[in-house]
């Protein structure tokens, strides 16, 4: 079986009906406590990084290998 390698911070909030590709990281930044909030029906492409105090709205597409920071 192939592993997907997805990392999601335990305090990150992710809405309903979201798709998360392989190799995605959703979490905080070094020495910061704020984590991402992701809305409903969001697609996060493979290899994307969403880090820090970021709010992603509903019906958003985040492309593969994107880096989203505040």
N, C-alpha and C. Protein backbone atom coordinates (compact mmCIF):
# COMPACT_ATOMS: atom_id res chain seq x y z
N UNK A 1 0.84 -1.18 0.00
CA UNK A 1 0.00 0.00 0.00
C UNK A 1 0.89 1.25 0.00
N UNK A 2 0.52 2.23 -0.77
CA UNK A 2 1.26 3.47 -0.88
C UNK A 2 0.81 4.46 0.19
N UNK A 3 1.77 5.14 0.83
CA UNK A 3 1.43 6.14 1.83
C UNK A 3 1.28 7.50 1.18
N UNK A 4 0.39 8.32 1.74
CA UNK A 4 0.11 9.62 1.16
C UNK A 4 0.97 10.74 1.74
N UNK A 5 1.51 10.59 2.94
CA UNK A 5 2.39 11.59 3.52
C UNK A 5 1.74 12.92 3.78
N UNK A 6 0.53 12.92 4.31
CA UNK A 6 -0.20 14.16 4.62
C UNK A 6 0.04 14.51 6.08
N UNK A 7 0.37 15.81 6.35
CA UNK A 7 0.59 16.28 7.72
C UNK A 7 -0.42 17.38 8.00
N UNK A 8 -1.25 17.19 9.04
CA UNK A 8 -2.25 18.19 9.42
C UNK A 8 -2.11 18.46 10.91
N UNK A 9 -1.89 19.72 11.27
CA UNK A 9 -1.76 20.12 12.67
C UNK A 9 -3.03 19.76 13.42
N UNK A 10 -2.89 19.34 14.65
CA UNK A 10 -4.05 18.88 15.43
C UNK A 10 -5.05 20.00 15.71
N UNK A 11 -4.63 21.26 15.66
CA UNK A 11 -5.56 22.37 15.91
C UNK A 11 -6.09 23.02 14.63
N UNK A 12 -5.63 22.59 13.48
CA UNK A 12 -6.13 23.15 12.22
C UNK A 12 -7.60 22.80 12.06
N UNK A 13 -8.35 23.70 11.43
CA UNK A 13 -9.78 23.48 11.21
C UNK A 13 -10.03 23.34 9.72
N UNK A 14 -10.69 22.25 9.35
CA UNK A 14 -10.97 21.97 7.95
C UNK A 14 -12.46 21.72 7.80
N UNK A 15 -13.08 22.40 6.83
CA UNK A 15 -14.52 22.30 6.62
C UNK A 15 -14.95 20.98 5.99
N UNK A 16 -16.20 20.95 5.57
CA UNK A 16 -16.81 19.75 4.99
C UNK A 16 -16.45 19.61 3.51
N UNK A 17 -16.45 18.37 3.04
CA UNK A 17 -16.28 18.04 1.62
C UNK A 17 -14.99 18.59 1.02
N UNK A 18 -13.90 18.56 1.79
CA UNK A 18 -12.60 19.01 1.29
C UNK A 18 -11.82 17.83 0.74
N UNK A 19 -11.01 18.08 -0.26
CA UNK A 19 -10.13 17.08 -0.85
C UNK A 19 -8.69 17.53 -0.62
N UNK A 20 -7.88 16.65 -0.05
CA UNK A 20 -6.49 16.97 0.23
C UNK A 20 -5.61 15.97 -0.51
N UNK A 21 -4.74 16.47 -1.38
CA UNK A 21 -3.87 15.62 -2.16
C UNK A 21 -2.70 15.08 -1.36
N UNK A 22 -1.92 14.23 -1.97
CA UNK A 22 -0.80 13.60 -1.28
C UNK A 22 0.33 14.61 -1.05
N UNK A 23 1.07 14.40 0.02
CA UNK A 23 2.23 15.22 0.33
C UNK A 23 1.89 16.62 0.80
N UNK A 24 0.67 16.86 1.27
CA UNK A 24 0.23 18.18 1.73
C UNK A 24 0.59 18.38 3.20
N UNK A 25 0.97 19.62 3.54
CA UNK A 25 1.20 20.00 4.93
C UNK A 25 0.27 21.16 5.28
N UNK A 26 -0.50 21.00 6.36
CA UNK A 26 -1.38 22.05 6.86
C UNK A 26 -1.00 22.23 8.32
N UNK A 27 -0.38 23.37 8.66
CA UNK A 27 0.08 23.52 10.04
C UNK A 27 0.57 24.90 10.37
N UNK A 28 1.15 25.00 11.57
CA UNK A 28 1.67 26.26 12.06
C UNK A 28 3.05 26.54 11.50
N UNK A 29 3.53 27.74 11.78
CA UNK A 29 4.89 28.11 11.41
C UNK A 29 5.75 28.07 12.66
N UNK A 30 7.02 28.02 12.50
CA UNK A 30 7.95 27.89 13.62
C UNK A 30 7.68 28.92 14.71
N UNK A 31 7.51 28.44 15.93
CA UNK A 31 7.31 29.27 17.12
C UNK A 31 6.07 30.14 17.08
N UNK A 32 5.09 29.80 16.25
CA UNK A 32 3.83 30.54 16.21
C UNK A 32 2.69 29.58 16.52
N UNK A 33 1.69 30.07 17.23
CA UNK A 33 0.60 29.20 17.66
C UNK A 33 -0.59 29.17 16.70
N UNK A 34 -0.65 30.09 15.76
CA UNK A 34 -1.79 30.17 14.86
C UNK A 34 -1.69 29.12 13.76
N UNK A 35 -2.81 28.49 13.48
CA UNK A 35 -2.86 27.44 12.45
C UNK A 35 -3.95 27.78 11.44
N UNK A 36 -3.94 27.17 10.27
CA UNK A 36 -4.91 27.49 9.22
C UNK A 36 -6.35 27.10 9.56
N UNK A 37 -7.26 27.85 8.96
CA UNK A 37 -8.69 27.55 8.99
C UNK A 37 -9.10 27.43 7.52
N UNK A 38 -9.65 26.28 7.15
CA UNK A 38 -10.01 26.01 5.77
C UNK A 38 -11.51 25.81 5.68
N UNK A 39 -12.14 26.48 4.72
CA UNK A 39 -13.59 26.43 4.56
C UNK A 39 -14.08 25.12 3.94
N UNK A 40 -15.32 25.14 3.49
CA UNK A 40 -15.97 23.97 2.89
C UNK A 40 -15.63 23.86 1.41
N UNK A 41 -15.63 22.61 0.90
CA UNK A 41 -15.46 22.31 -0.51
C UNK A 41 -14.16 22.89 -1.08
N UNK A 42 -13.08 22.75 -0.32
CA UNK A 42 -11.77 23.24 -0.76
C UNK A 42 -10.96 22.07 -1.31
N UNK A 43 -10.29 22.29 -2.43
CA UNK A 43 -9.39 21.30 -3.00
C UNK A 43 -7.96 21.79 -2.78
N UNK A 44 -7.15 20.93 -2.13
CA UNK A 44 -5.75 21.25 -1.88
C UNK A 44 -4.93 20.28 -2.72
N UNK A 45 -4.24 20.81 -3.72
CA UNK A 45 -3.47 19.98 -4.64
C UNK A 45 -2.25 19.34 -4.00
N UNK A 46 -1.75 18.30 -4.63
CA UNK A 46 -0.62 17.53 -4.12
C UNK A 46 0.59 18.42 -3.87
N UNK A 47 1.24 18.20 -2.73
CA UNK A 47 2.46 18.91 -2.39
C UNK A 47 2.28 20.31 -1.87
N UNK A 48 1.05 20.79 -1.73
CA UNK A 48 0.82 22.15 -1.25
C UNK A 48 1.17 22.28 0.23
N UNK A 49 1.54 23.50 0.64
CA UNK A 49 1.83 23.82 2.03
C UNK A 49 0.96 25.00 2.43
N UNK A 50 0.18 24.82 3.50
CA UNK A 50 -0.64 25.91 4.04
C UNK A 50 -0.16 26.09 5.47
N UNK A 51 0.47 27.23 5.75
CA UNK A 51 1.18 27.41 7.01
C UNK A 51 0.81 28.73 7.68
N UNK A 52 0.58 28.67 8.98
CA UNK A 52 0.36 29.87 9.78
C UNK A 52 -1.09 30.30 9.85
N UNK A 53 -1.26 31.56 10.23
CA UNK A 53 -2.58 32.14 10.47
C UNK A 53 -3.24 32.51 9.13
N UNK A 54 -3.71 31.49 8.41
CA UNK A 54 -4.32 31.68 7.09
C UNK A 54 -5.77 31.23 7.16
N UNK A 55 -6.66 32.03 6.59
CA UNK A 55 -8.06 31.65 6.50
C UNK A 55 -8.38 31.46 5.01
N UNK A 56 -8.79 30.25 4.65
CA UNK A 56 -9.15 29.92 3.28
C UNK A 56 -10.68 29.82 3.23
N UNK A 57 -11.31 30.57 2.33
CA UNK A 57 -12.77 30.57 2.24
C UNK A 57 -13.33 29.30 1.61
N UNK A 58 -14.63 29.30 1.37
CA UNK A 58 -15.31 28.17 0.75
C UNK A 58 -15.04 28.14 -0.76
N UNK A 59 -15.13 26.94 -1.35
CA UNK A 59 -15.05 26.74 -2.80
C UNK A 59 -13.76 27.28 -3.41
N UNK A 60 -12.64 26.99 -2.76
CA UNK A 60 -11.33 27.46 -3.21
C UNK A 60 -10.53 26.28 -3.74
N UNK A 61 -9.71 26.54 -4.76
CA UNK A 61 -8.77 25.54 -5.28
C UNK A 61 -7.37 26.05 -5.01
N UNK A 62 -6.57 25.24 -4.31
CA UNK A 62 -5.17 25.56 -4.06
C UNK A 62 -4.36 24.61 -4.93
N UNK A 63 -3.60 25.16 -5.84
CA UNK A 63 -2.88 24.37 -6.83
C UNK A 63 -1.77 23.51 -6.24
N UNK A 64 -1.38 22.51 -6.99
CA UNK A 64 -0.31 21.61 -6.57
C UNK A 64 0.98 22.39 -6.32
N UNK A 65 1.69 22.01 -5.28
CA UNK A 65 2.98 22.60 -4.89
C UNK A 65 2.90 24.07 -4.54
N UNK A 66 1.71 24.58 -4.24
CA UNK A 66 1.56 25.98 -3.79
C UNK A 66 2.05 26.11 -2.36
N UNK A 67 2.48 27.33 -2.00
CA UNK A 67 2.80 27.65 -0.62
C UNK A 67 1.91 28.82 -0.23
N UNK A 68 1.08 28.61 0.79
CA UNK A 68 0.15 29.65 1.24
C UNK A 68 0.54 30.05 2.67
N UNK A 69 1.01 31.30 2.82
CA UNK A 69 1.39 31.83 4.14
C UNK A 69 0.78 33.21 4.30
N UNK A 70 0.66 33.67 5.54
CA UNK A 70 0.10 35.02 5.74
C UNK A 70 1.04 36.12 5.29
